[in-house]
Amino acid sequence: MSDDAVILNGYRLVNLIQTGQHSQIWEAEDVYSGRRYALKVLLPEAARDPLHRRLLANEAKVGMQLSHPYIVKTYKYFPDKEAPHLIMELFPSVNLAVRIIRKHPVVHQQARKIIEQAASALDYLHEKGFVHKDVKPTNLLVAGSGDVRLIDFALAERMGGFLAGLFRRSRKVQGTRSYMAPEQIRGQRVDQRADIYSFGCTIYEMLTGRPPFRADSPAALLYKQIHEKPRPVRTFNPNVTELMDNLVMQLLEKDPAKRPQSMREFLQMFQKVALWVKEPTAAE
């Protein structure tokens, strides 16, 4: 699908934004109104896989129930046989993972704004009864201004729902190993506190440039997530205040009962904490 003339259900593909393992994201133009959207389409091999089709359908089903300024809007879903796709808000910004890798100054200069907007989006999602299950820097689009959009609801499920059972039957861990809560790794039923753990991993990486745990194998990484305590944030960035370091460590508690019990509770705690010893500058 590299030809700009390709049209899917009235949307012309004009610019390839990203190619992933199973899908592509295109900037697409509505041929009738001329408005621009983001179009996510499964690649041919994934389109033939029932699991990936279900994940895209789930992403659309959840996304179309959400309306929040910091969550990318999902408008339509087309379950085409050859190229199932969904139509979303176009938010022309790279994700937080790219910002971190490139050491873009927005990551630290606008850290409070990024954290607050992402937490607000997750609080809304949880209030709607969903758990995201894949919170990570890749799933947070971040503009140069620090504005955020939470994306990708493929693994999202109703708290107390049965999607987890479907995934367990696939005998495959669903999520991203560097960010998964211990209870999610164990295949237990999860709630908003699993997202809070994953968000803690995300903040840790924002502040230090690295995830809380690294390992030589997937199994070793999962073991660390379940059993080991991460090194303090200040080990890698002494410009982070001790109070902020302690708050991140609280998000990363192995026992869900020891974490903040909601994103709203986290936000209340975060608003009382100084983030930096010295405010970062563009030069830094």
C-alpha atoms as a PDB file:
ATOM      1  CA  MET A   1       0.000   0.000   0.000  1.00  0.00           C
ATOM      2  CA  SER A   2       2.617   2.488  -1.035  1.00  0.00           C
ATOM      3  CA  ASP A   3       0.575   4.064  -3.850  1.00  0.00           C
ATOM      4  CA  ASP A   4      -0.886   7.449  -2.887  1.00  0.00           C
ATOM      5  CA  ALA A   5      -3.853   6.697  -5.149  1.00  0.00           C
ATOM      6  CA  VAL A   6      -5.064   3.802  -2.960  1.00  0.00           C
ATOM      7  CA  ILE A   7      -8.531   4.509  -1.554  1.00  0.00           C
ATOM      8  CA  LEU A   8     -10.104   2.505   1.269  1.00  0.00           C
ATOM      9  CA  ASN A   9     -13.806   3.088   1.897  1.00  0.00           C
ATOM     10  CA  GLY A  10     -13.614   6.706   0.790  1.00  0.00           C
ATOM     11  CA  TYR A  11     -10.264   7.527   2.413  1.00  0.00           C
ATOM     12  CA  ARG A  12      -7.244   8.230   0.192  1.00  0.00           C
ATOM     13  CA  LEU A  13      -3.892   7.132   1.625  1.00  0.00           C
ATOM     14  CA  VAL A  14      -1.600  10.131   1.213  1.00  0.00           C
ATOM     15  CA  ASN A  15       1.325   9.686   3.616  1.00  0.00           C
ATOM     16  CA  LEU A  16       2.727   6.659   5.426  1.00  0.00           C
ATOM     17  CA  ILE A  17       3.298   7.661   9.049  1.00  0.00           C
ATOM     18  CA  GLN A  18       4.499   4.406  10.564  1.00  0.00           C
ATOM     19  CA  THR A  19       4.909   0.720   9.774  1.00  0.00           C
ATOM     20  CA  GLY A  20       4.751  -1.726  12.657  1.00  0.00           C
ATOM     21  CA  GLN A  21       5.042  -5.491  12.913  1.00  0.00           C
ATOM     22  CA  HIS A  22       1.353  -6.049  12.185  1.00  0.00           C
ATOM     23  CA  SER A  23      -0.070  -2.761  10.898  1.00  0.00           C
ATOM     24  CA  GLN A  24       0.549   0.547   9.179  1.00  0.00           C
ATOM     25  CA  ILE A  25      -0.587   4.028  10.163  1.00  0.00           C
ATOM     26  CA  TRP A  26      -1.386   6.351   7.267  1.00  0.00           C
ATOM     27  CA  GLU A  27      -2.377   9.952   6.985  1.00  0.00           C
ATOM     28  CA  ALA A  28      -5.589   9.646   4.987  1.00  0.00           C
ATOM     29  CA  GLU A  29      -7.857  12.150   3.274  1.00  0.00           C
ATOM     30  CA  ASP A  30     -11.628  11.852   3.177  1.00  0.00           C
ATOM     31  CA  VAL A  31     -12.270  12.066  -0.563  1.00  0.00           C
ATOM     32  CA  TYR A  32     -15.608  13.821   0.008  1.00  0.00           C
ATOM     33  CA  SER A  33     -14.763  16.395   2.701  1.00  0.00           C
ATOM     34  CA  GLY A  34     -11.005  16.728   2.221  1.00  0.00           C
ATOM     35  CA  ARG A  35     -10.440  16.313   5.973  1.00  0.00           C
ATOM     36  CA  ARG A  36      -7.350  14.466   7.163  1.00  0.00           C
ATOM     37  CA  TYR A  37      -7.397  11.494   9.528  1.00  0.00           C
ATOM     38  CA  ALA A  38      -5.104   8.722  10.735  1.00  0.00           C
ATOM     39  CA  LEU A  39      -5.947   5.348   9.196  1.00  0.00           C
ATOM     40  CA  LYS A  40      -4.666   2.172  10.857  1.00  0.00           C
ATOM     41  CA  VAL A  41      -4.695  -0.875   8.587  1.00  0.00           C
ATOM     42  CA  LEU A  42      -3.546  -4.438   9.237  1.00  0.00           C
ATOM     43  CA  LEU A  43      -0.781  -5.762   7.035  1.00  0.00           C
ATOM     44  CA  PRO A  44      -1.796  -8.742   4.833  1.00  0.00           C
ATOM     45  CA  GLU A  45      -0.395 -11.479   7.090  1.00  0.00           C
ATOM     46  CA  ALA A  46      -2.010  -9.972  10.197  1.00  0.00           C
ATOM     47  CA  ALA A  47      -5.282  -9.481   8.292  1.00  0.00           C
ATOM     48  CA  ARG A  48      -5.403 -13.265   7.799  1.00  0.00           C
ATOM     49  CA  ASP A  49      -4.816 -13.915  11.523  1.00  0.00           C
ATOM     50  CA  PRO A  50      -8.060 -14.120  13.570  1.00  0.00           C
ATOM     51  CA  LEU A  51      -6.301 -12.907  16.735  1.00  0.00           C
ATOM     52  CA  HIS A  52      -5.000  -9.718  15.116  1.00  0.00           C
ATOM     53  CA  ARG A  53      -8.387  -9.068  13.564  1.00  0.00           C
ATOM     54  CA  ARG A  54      -9.992  -9.412  17.006  1.00  0.00           C
ATOM     55  CA  LEU A  55      -7.395  -7.080  18.528  1.00  0.00           C
ATOM     56  CA  LEU A  56      -8.091  -4.393  15.921  1.00  0.00           C
ATOM     57  CA  ALA A  57     -11.832  -4.829  16.384  1.00  0.00           C
ATOM     58  CA  ASN A  58     -11.362  -4.518  20.156  1.00  0.00           C
ATOM     59  CA  GLU A  59      -9.246  -1.378  19.709  1.00  0.00           C
ATOM     60  CA  ALA A  60     -12.044   0.133  17.641  1.00  0.00           C
ATOM     61  CA  LYS A  61     -14.819  -0.968  20.007  1.00  0.00           C
ATOM     62  CA  VAL A  62     -13.121   0.512  23.058  1.00  0.00           C
ATOM     63  CA  GLY A  63     -11.804   3.608  21.288  1.00  0.00           C
ATOM     64  CA  MET A  64     -15.206   4.608  19.914  1.00  0.00           C
ATOM     65  CA  GLN A  65     -16.587   4.696  23.478  1.00  0.00           C
ATOM     66  CA  LEU A  66     -14.010   7.256  24.604  1.00  0.00           C
ATOM     67  CA  SER A  67     -14.099  11.035  24.331  1.00  0.00           C
ATOM     68  CA  HIS A  68     -11.334  12.877  26.164  1.00  0.00           C
ATOM     69  CA  PRO A  69      -8.973  15.704  25.131  1.00  0.00           C
ATOM     70  CA  TYR A  70      -5.871  13.573  25.797  1.00  0.00           C
ATOM     71  CA  ILE A  71      -7.090  10.374  24.111  1.00  0.00           C
ATOM     72  CA  VAL A  72      -6.893   9.996  20.351  1.00  0.00           C
ATOM     73  CA  LYS A  73     -10.443   9.857  18.954  1.00  0.00           C
ATOM     74  CA  THR A  74     -11.581   6.765  17.067  1.00  0.00           C
ATOM     75  CA  TYR A  75     -14.311   7.431  14.517  1.00  0.00           C
ATOM     76  CA  LYS A  76     -14.969   4.380  12.328  1.00  0.00           C
ATOM     77  CA  TYR A  77     -14.049   0.723  11.909  1.00  0.00           C
ATOM     78  CA  PHE A  78     -14.120  -1.224   8.649  1.00  0.00           C
ATOM     79  CA  PRO A  79     -13.752  -5.019   9.090  1.00  0.00           C
ATOM     80  CA  ASP A  80     -12.729  -5.560   5.455  1.00  0.00           C
ATOM     81  CA  LYS A  81     -11.602  -9.077   4.623  1.00  0.00           C
ATOM     82  CA  GLU A  82      -8.390  -8.046   2.864  1.00  0.00           C
ATOM     83  CA  ALA A  83      -7.473  -4.879   4.785  1.00  0.00           C
ATOM     84  CA  PRO A  84      -9.397  -4.267   8.031  1.00  0.00           C
ATOM     85  CA  HIS A  85      -8.840  -0.684   9.171  1.00  0.00           C
ATOM     86  CA  LEU A  86     -10.004   2.038  11.503  1.00  0.00           C
ATOM     87  CA  ILE A  87     -10.240   5.813  11.188  1.00  0.00           C
ATOM     88  CA  MET A  88      -8.835   7.972  13.970  1.00  0.00           C
ATOM     89  CA  GLU A  89      -7.982  11.542  14.874  1.00  0.00           C
ATOM     90  CA  LEU A  90      -4.794  12.711  13.172  1.00  0.00           C
ATOM     91  CA  PHE A  91      -2.368  13.918  15.834  1.00  0.00           C
ATOM     92  CA  PRO A  92       0.833  14.535  13.860  1.00  0.00           C
ATOM     93  CA  SER A  93       3.426  13.886  16.548  1.00  0.00           C
ATOM     94  CA  VAL A  94       5.904  11.136  17.349  1.00  0.00           C
ATOM     95  CA  ASN A  95       5.529   8.976  20.437  1.00  0.00           C
ATOM     96  CA  LEU A  96       7.211   9.457  23.794  1.00  0.00           C
ATOM     97  CA  ALA A  97       9.630   6.573  23.161  1.00  0.00           C
ATOM     98  CA  VAL A  98      11.041   8.414  20.129  1.00  0.00           C
ATOM     99  CA  ARG A  99      11.290  11.634  22.149  1.00  0.00           C
ATOM    100  CA  ILE A 100      13.223   9.798  24.877  1.00  0.00           C
ATOM    101  CA  ILE A 101      15.600   8.069  22.443  1.00  0.00           C
ATOM    102  CA  ARG A 102      16.324  11.362  20.691  1.00  0.00           C
ATOM    103  CA  LYS A 103      16.759  13.099  24.072  1.00  0.00           C
ATOM    104  CA  HIS A 104      14.329  15.768  22.940  1.00  0.00           C
ATOM    105  CA  PRO A 105      14.179  18.634  25.478  1.00  0.00           C
ATOM    106  CA  VAL A 106      10.365  18.433  25.659  1.00  0.00           C
ATOM    107  CA  VAL A 107      10.642  15.197  27.672  1.00  0.00           C
ATOM    108  CA  HIS A 108      12.142  16.970  30.679  1.00  0.00           C
ATOM    109  CA  GLN A 109      11.094  20.577  30.098  1.00  0.00           C
ATOM    110  CA  GLN A 110       7.426  19.561  29.787  1.00  0.00           C
ATOM    111  CA  ALA A 111       7.605  16.463  32.005  1.00  0.00           C
ATOM    112  CA  ARG A 112       4.952  17.679  34.440  1.00  0.00           C
ATOM    113  CA  LYS A 113       2.533  18.497  31.623  1.00  0.00           C
ATOM    114  CA  ILE A 114       3.150  15.154  29.898  1.00  0.00           C
ATOM    115  CA  ILE A 115       2.660  13.196  33.116  1.00  0.00           C
ATOM    116  CA  GLU A 116      -0.476  15.114  34.126  1.00  0.00           C
ATOM    117  CA  GLN A 117      -2.149  14.793  30.728  1.00  0.00           C
ATOM    118  CA  ALA A 118      -1.328  11.090  30.400  1.00  0.00           C
ATOM    119  CA  ALA A 119      -2.554  10.422  33.937  1.00  0.00           C
ATOM    120  CA  SER A 120      -5.748  12.384  33.236  1.00  0.00           C
ATOM    121  CA  ALA A 121      -6.381  10.263  30.128  1.00  0.00           C
ATOM    122  CA  LEU A 122      -5.860   7.046  32.087  1.00  0.00           C
ATOM    123  CA  ASP A 123      -8.060   8.263  34.941  1.00  0.00           C
ATOM    124  CA  TYR A 124     -10.863   8.856  32.434  1.00  0.00           C
ATOM    125  CA  LEU A 125     -10.320   5.426  30.867  1.00  0.00           C
ATOM    126  CA  HIS A 126     -10.524   3.777  34.287  1.00  0.00           C
ATOM    127  CA  GLU A 127     -13.631   5.763  35.222  1.00  0.00           C
ATOM    128  CA  LYS A 128     -15.224   4.393  32.048  1.00  0.00           C
ATOM    129  CA  GLY A 129     -14.521   0.907  33.399  1.00  0.00           C
ATOM    130  CA  PHE A 130     -11.578  -0.067  31.196  1.00  0.00           C
ATOM    131  CA  VAL A 131      -7.979  -1.054  31.908  1.00  0.00           C
ATOM    132  CA  HIS A 132      -5.523  -0.281  29.076  1.00  0.00           C
ATOM    133  CA  LYS A 133      -3.043  -3.145  29.699  1.00  0.00           C
ATOM    134  CA  ASP A 134      -0.331  -1.704  27.441  1.00  0.00           C
ATOM    135  CA  VAL A 135       0.679   1.647  28.913  1.00  0.00           C
ATOM    136  CA  LYS A 136       4.176   2.506  27.660  1.00  0.00           C
ATOM    137  CA  PRO A 137       6.051   5.382  25.979  1.00  0.00           C
ATOM    138  CA  THR A 138       5.210   4.043  22.500  1.00  0.00           C
ATOM    139  CA  ASN A 139       1.491   4.476  23.237  1.00  0.00           C
ATOM    140  CA  LEU A 140       1.735   8.127  24.226  1.00  0.00           C
ATOM    141  CA  LEU A 141       1.990  10.597  21.349  1.00  0.00           C
ATOM    142  CA  VAL A 142       3.749  13.774  22.513  1.00  0.00           C
ATOM    143  CA  ALA A 143       3.767  17.059  20.600  1.00  0.00           C
ATOM    144  CA  GLY A 144       6.559  19.595  20.839  1.00  0.00           C
ATOM    145  CA  SER A 145       4.325  21.607  23.176  1.00  0.00           C
ATOM    146  CA  GLY A 146       4.084  18.660  25.572  1.00  0.00           C
ATOM    147  CA  ASP A 147       0.461  17.890  24.645  1.00  0.00           C
ATOM    148  CA  VAL A 148      -0.359  14.195  24.831  1.00  0.00           C
ATOM    149  CA  ARG A 149      -2.651  11.649  23.177  1.00  0.00           C
ATOM    150  CA  LEU A 150      -3.079   8.161  24.618  1.00  0.00           C
ATOM    151  CA  ILE A 151      -3.402   5.543  21.856  1.00  0.00           C
ATOM    152  CA  ASP A 152      -3.778   1.802  21.135  1.00  0.00           C
ATOM    153  CA  PHE A 153      -6.618   0.050  22.946  1.00  0.00           C
ATOM    154  CA  ALA A 154      -6.048  -3.351  21.336  1.00  0.00           C
ATOM    155  CA  LEU A 155      -5.522  -5.079  24.706  1.00  0.00           C
ATOM    156  CA  ALA A 156      -7.938  -2.898  26.680  1.00  0.00           C
ATOM    157  CA  GLU A 157     -10.716  -4.707  28.497  1.00  0.00           C
ATOM    158  CA  ARG A 158     -13.516  -4.111  30.926  1.00  0.00           C
ATOM    159  CA  MET A 159     -12.347  -4.520  34.491  1.00  0.00           C
ATOM    160  CA  GLY A 160     -13.657  -7.893  35.533  1.00  0.00           C
ATOM    161  CA  GLY A 161     -14.175  -8.787  31.866  1.00  0.00           C
ATOM    162  CA  PHE A 162     -13.411 -12.012  30.070  1.00  0.00           C
ATOM    163  CA  LEU A 163     -10.969 -10.868  27.367  1.00  0.00           C
ATOM    164  CA  ALA A 164      -8.111 -11.898  29.648  1.00  0.00           C
ATOM    165  CA  GLY A 165      -9.382 -15.458  29.544  1.00  0.00           C
ATOM    166  CA  LEU A 166      -9.311 -15.388  25.760  1.00  0.00           C
ATOM    167  CA  PHE A 167      -5.701 -14.206  25.795  1.00  0.00           C
ATOM    168  CA  ARG A 168      -4.644 -16.770  28.401  1.00  0.00           C
ATOM    169  CA  ARG A 169      -5.956 -19.521  26.130  1.00  0.00           C
ATOM    170  CA  SER A 170      -3.552 -18.270  23.459  1.00  0.00           C
ATOM    171  CA  ARG A 171      -0.696 -19.325  25.850  1.00  0.00           C
ATOM    172  CA  LYS A 172       1.052 -16.032  25.190  1.00  0.00           C
ATOM    173  CA  VAL A 173       1.817 -13.141  27.523  1.00  0.00           C
ATOM    174  CA  GLN A 174      -0.181 -10.136  26.286  1.00  0.00           C
ATOM    175  CA  GLY A 175       1.470  -6.798  26.901  1.00  0.00           C
ATOM    176  CA  THR A 176       4.992  -5.387  26.733  1.00  0.00           C
ATOM    177  CA  ARG A 177       7.493  -7.039  29.065  1.00  0.00           C
ATOM    178  CA  SER A 178       9.390  -3.894  30.094  1.00  0.00           C
ATOM    179  CA  TYR A 179       6.187  -2.297  31.417  1.00  0.00           C
ATOM    180  CA  MET A 180       3.891  -5.092  32.606  1.00  0.00           C
ATOM    181  CA  ALA A 181       2.737  -5.304  36.208  1.00  0.00           C
ATOM    182  CA  PRO A 182       3.573  -8.532  38.075  1.00  0.00           C
ATOM    183  CA  GLU A 183      -0.085  -9.553  38.283  1.00  0.00           C
ATOM    184  CA  GLN A 184      -0.470  -9.112  34.524  1.00  0.00           C
ATOM    185  CA  ILE A 185       2.595 -11.267  33.872  1.00  0.00           C
ATOM    186  CA  ARG A 186       1.099 -13.979  36.073  1.00  0.00           C
ATOM    187  CA  GLY A 187      -2.060 -13.943  33.985  1.00  0.00           C
ATOM    188  CA  GLN A 188      -4.225 -12.755  36.865  1.00  0.00           C
ATOM    189  CA  ARG A 189      -7.294 -10.560  36.401  1.00  0.00           C
ATOM    190  CA  VAL A 190      -6.110  -6.955  36.384  1.00  0.00           C
ATOM    191  CA  ASP A 191      -7.601  -3.570  37.230  1.00  0.00           C
ATOM    192  CA  GLN A 192      -6.481   0.063  37.046  1.00  0.00           C
ATOM    193  CA  ARG A 193      -3.543  -0.636  39.372  1.00  0.00           C
ATOM    194  CA  ALA A 194      -1.818  -2.632  36.605  1.00  0.00           C
ATOM    195  CA  ASP A 195      -1.919   0.481  34.425  1.00  0.00           C
ATOM    196  CA  ILE A 196      -0.561   2.480  37.365  1.00  0.00           C
ATOM    197  CA  TYR A 197       2.458   0.149  37.544  1.00  0.00           C
ATOM    198  CA  SER A 198       3.016   0.448  33.776  1.00  0.00           C
ATOM    199  CA  PHE A 199       2.705   4.219  34.065  1.00  0.00           C
ATOM    200  CA  GLY A 200       5.366   4.115  36.774  1.00  0.00           C
ATOM    201  CA  CYS A 201       7.676   2.298  34.346  1.00  0.00           C
ATOM    202  CA  THR A 202       6.914   4.970  31.745  1.00  0.00           C
ATOM    203  CA  ILE A 203       7.689   7.857  34.105  1.00  0.00           C
ATOM    204  CA  TYR A 204      10.876   6.100  35.219  1.00  0.00           C
ATOM    205  CA  GLU A 205      12.020   5.930  31.593  1.00  0.00           C
ATOM    206  CA  MET A 206      11.073   9.575  30.994  1.00  0.00           C
ATOM    207  CA  LEU A 207      13.210  10.706  33.892  1.00  0.00           C
ATOM    208  CA  THR A 208      16.194   8.384  33.398  1.00  0.00           C
ATOM    209  CA  GLY A 209      16.242   7.480  29.694  1.00  0.00           C
ATOM    210  CA  ARG A 210      15.935   3.765  30.500  1.00  0.00           C
ATOM    211  CA  PRO A 211      13.221   1.389  31.724  1.00  0.00           C
ATOM    212  CA  PRO A 212      13.327   0.170  35.351  1.00  0.00           C
ATOM    213  CA  PHE A 213      14.610  -3.275  34.344  1.00  0.00           C
ATOM    214  CA  ARG A 214      16.911  -4.647  31.665  1.00  0.00           C
ATOM    215  CA  ALA A 215      17.779  -8.283  31.048  1.00  0.00           C
ATOM    216  CA  ASP A 216      19.453 -10.578  28.527  1.00  0.00           C
ATOM    217  CA  SER A 217      16.315 -12.621  27.850  1.00  0.00           C
ATOM    218  CA  PRO A 218      12.529 -12.185  27.947  1.00  0.00           C
ATOM    219  CA  ALA A 219      12.254 -14.711  30.783  1.00  0.00           C
ATOM    220  CA  ALA A 220      14.858 -12.869  32.866  1.00  0.00           C
ATOM    221  CA  LEU A 221      13.063  -9.571  32.278  1.00  0.00           C
ATOM    222  CA  LEU A 222       9.741 -11.021  33.435  1.00  0.00           C
ATOM    223  CA  TYR A 223      11.459 -12.466  36.514  1.00  0.00           C
ATOM    224  CA  LYS A 224      12.813  -9.039  37.423  1.00  0.00           C
ATOM    225  CA  GLN A 225       9.394  -7.421  36.978  1.00  0.00           C
ATOM    226  CA  ILE A 226       7.901  -9.927  39.414  1.00  0.00           C
ATOM    227  CA  HIS A 227      10.675 -10.249  41.997  1.00  0.00           C
ATOM    228  CA  GLU A 228      13.253  -7.442  41.910  1.00  0.00           C
ATOM    229  CA  LYS A 229      13.116  -3.878  43.159  1.00  0.00           C
ATOM    230  CA  PRO A 230      14.253  -1.248  40.634  1.00  0.00           C
ATOM    231  CA  ARG A 231      17.194   0.992  41.393  1.00  0.00           C
ATOM    232  CA  PRO A 232      16.137   4.482  42.526  1.00  0.00           C
ATOM    233  CA  VAL A 233      15.469   7.049  39.820  1.00  0.00           C
ATOM    234  CA  ARG A 234      18.127   9.312  41.304  1.00  0.00           C
ATOM    235  CA  THR A 235      20.764   6.646  40.582  1.00  0.00           C
ATOM    236  CA  PHE A 236      20.507   7.654  36.916  1.00  0.00           C
ATOM    237  CA  ASN A 237      19.293  11.248  37.235  1.00  0.00           C
ATOM    238  CA  PRO A 238      20.251  13.071  40.444  1.00  0.00           C
ATOM    239  CA  ASN A 239      18.287  16.117  39.249  1.00  0.00           C
ATOM    240  CA  VAL A 240      15.062  14.295  40.186  1.00  0.00           C
ATOM    241  CA  THR A 241      13.922  15.210  43.703  1.00  0.00           C
ATOM    242  CA  GLU A 242      13.889  12.581  46.415  1.00  0.00           C
ATOM    243  CA  LEU A 243      10.125  12.994  46.869  1.00  0.00           C
ATOM    244  CA  MET A 244       9.512  12.379  43.152  1.00  0.00           C
ATOM    245  CA  ASP A 245      11.832   9.372  43.258  1.00  0.00           C
ATOM    246  CA  ASN A 246       9.834   7.965  46.175  1.00  0.00           C
ATOM    247  CA  LEU A 247       6.552   8.514  44.326  1.00  0.00           C
ATOM    248  CA  VAL A 248       7.783   6.633  41.257  1.00  0.00           C
ATOM    249  CA  MET A 249       8.947   3.781  43.500  1.00  0.00           C
ATOM    250  CA  GLN A 250       5.462   3.667  45.010  1.00  0.00           C
ATOM    251  CA  LEU A 251       3.940   3.265  41.545  1.00  0.00           C
ATOM    252  CA  LEU A 252       6.311   0.337  41.015  1.00  0.00           C
ATOM    253  CA  GLU A 253       5.348  -1.617  44.131  1.00  0.00           C
ATOM    254  CA  LYS A 254       4.926  -5.328  43.366  1.00  0.00           C
ATOM    255  CA  ASP A 255       1.815  -5.536  45.536  1.00  0.00           C
ATOM    256  CA  PRO A 256      -1.066  -3.617  43.883  1.00  0.00           C
ATOM    257  CA  ALA A 257      -2.423  -2.689  47.327  1.00  0.00           C
ATOM    258  CA  LYS A 258       0.740  -0.666  48.023  1.00  0.00           C
ATOM    259  CA  ARG A 259       0.448   1.469  44.881  1.00  0.00           C
ATOM    260  CA  PRO A 260      -1.807   4.525  44.571  1.00  0.00           C
ATOM    261  CA  GLN A 261      -5.242   2.985  44.105  1.00  0.00           C
ATOM    262  CA  SER A 262      -6.315   5.286  41.289  1.00  0.00           C
ATOM    263  CA  MET A 263      -4.862   7.753  38.820  1.00  0.00           C
ATOM    264  CA  ARG A 264      -6.772  10.474  40.617  1.00  0.00           C
ATOM    265  CA  GLU A 265      -4.973   9.596  43.841  1.00  0.00           C
ATOM    266  CA  PHE A 266      -1.665   9.646  41.984  1.00  0.00           C
ATOM    267  CA  LEU A 267      -2.420  13.074  40.504  1.00  0.00           C
ATOM    268  CA  GLN A 268      -3.219  14.469  43.941  1.00  0.00           C
ATOM    269  CA  MET A 269       0.114  13.163  45.221  1.00  0.00           C
ATOM    270  CA  PHE A 270       2.019  14.347  42.134  1.00  0.00           C
ATOM    271  CA  GLN A 271       0.699  17.905  42.404  1.00  0.00           C
ATOM    272  CA  LYS A 272       2.288  18.197  45.865  1.00  0.00           C
ATOM    273  CA  VAL A 273       5.734  17.038  44.744  1.00  0.00           C
ATOM    274  CA  ALA A 274       8.554  19.027  43.155  1.00  0.00           C
ATOM    275  CA  LEU A 275       9.839  17.118  40.145  1.00  0.00           C
ATOM    276  CA  TRP A 276      13.289  18.630  39.632  1.00  0.00           C
ATOM    277  CA  VAL A 277      16.051  19.830  41.911  1.00  0.00           C
ATOM    278  CA  LYS A 278      16.865  22.351  39.180  1.00  0.00           C
ATOM    279  CA  GLU A 279      14.494  23.083  36.285  1.00  0.00           C
ATOM    280  CA  PRO A 280      15.929  21.660  33.041  1.00  0.00           C
ATOM    281  CA  THR A 281      16.965  24.041  30.279  1.00  0.00           C
ATOM    282  CA  ALA A 282      17.069  23.522  26.519  1.00  0.00           C
ATOM    283  CA  ALA A 283      20.860  23.281  26.645  1.00  0.00           C
ATOM    284  CA  GLU A 284      20.679  20.452  29.184  1.00  0.00           C
END
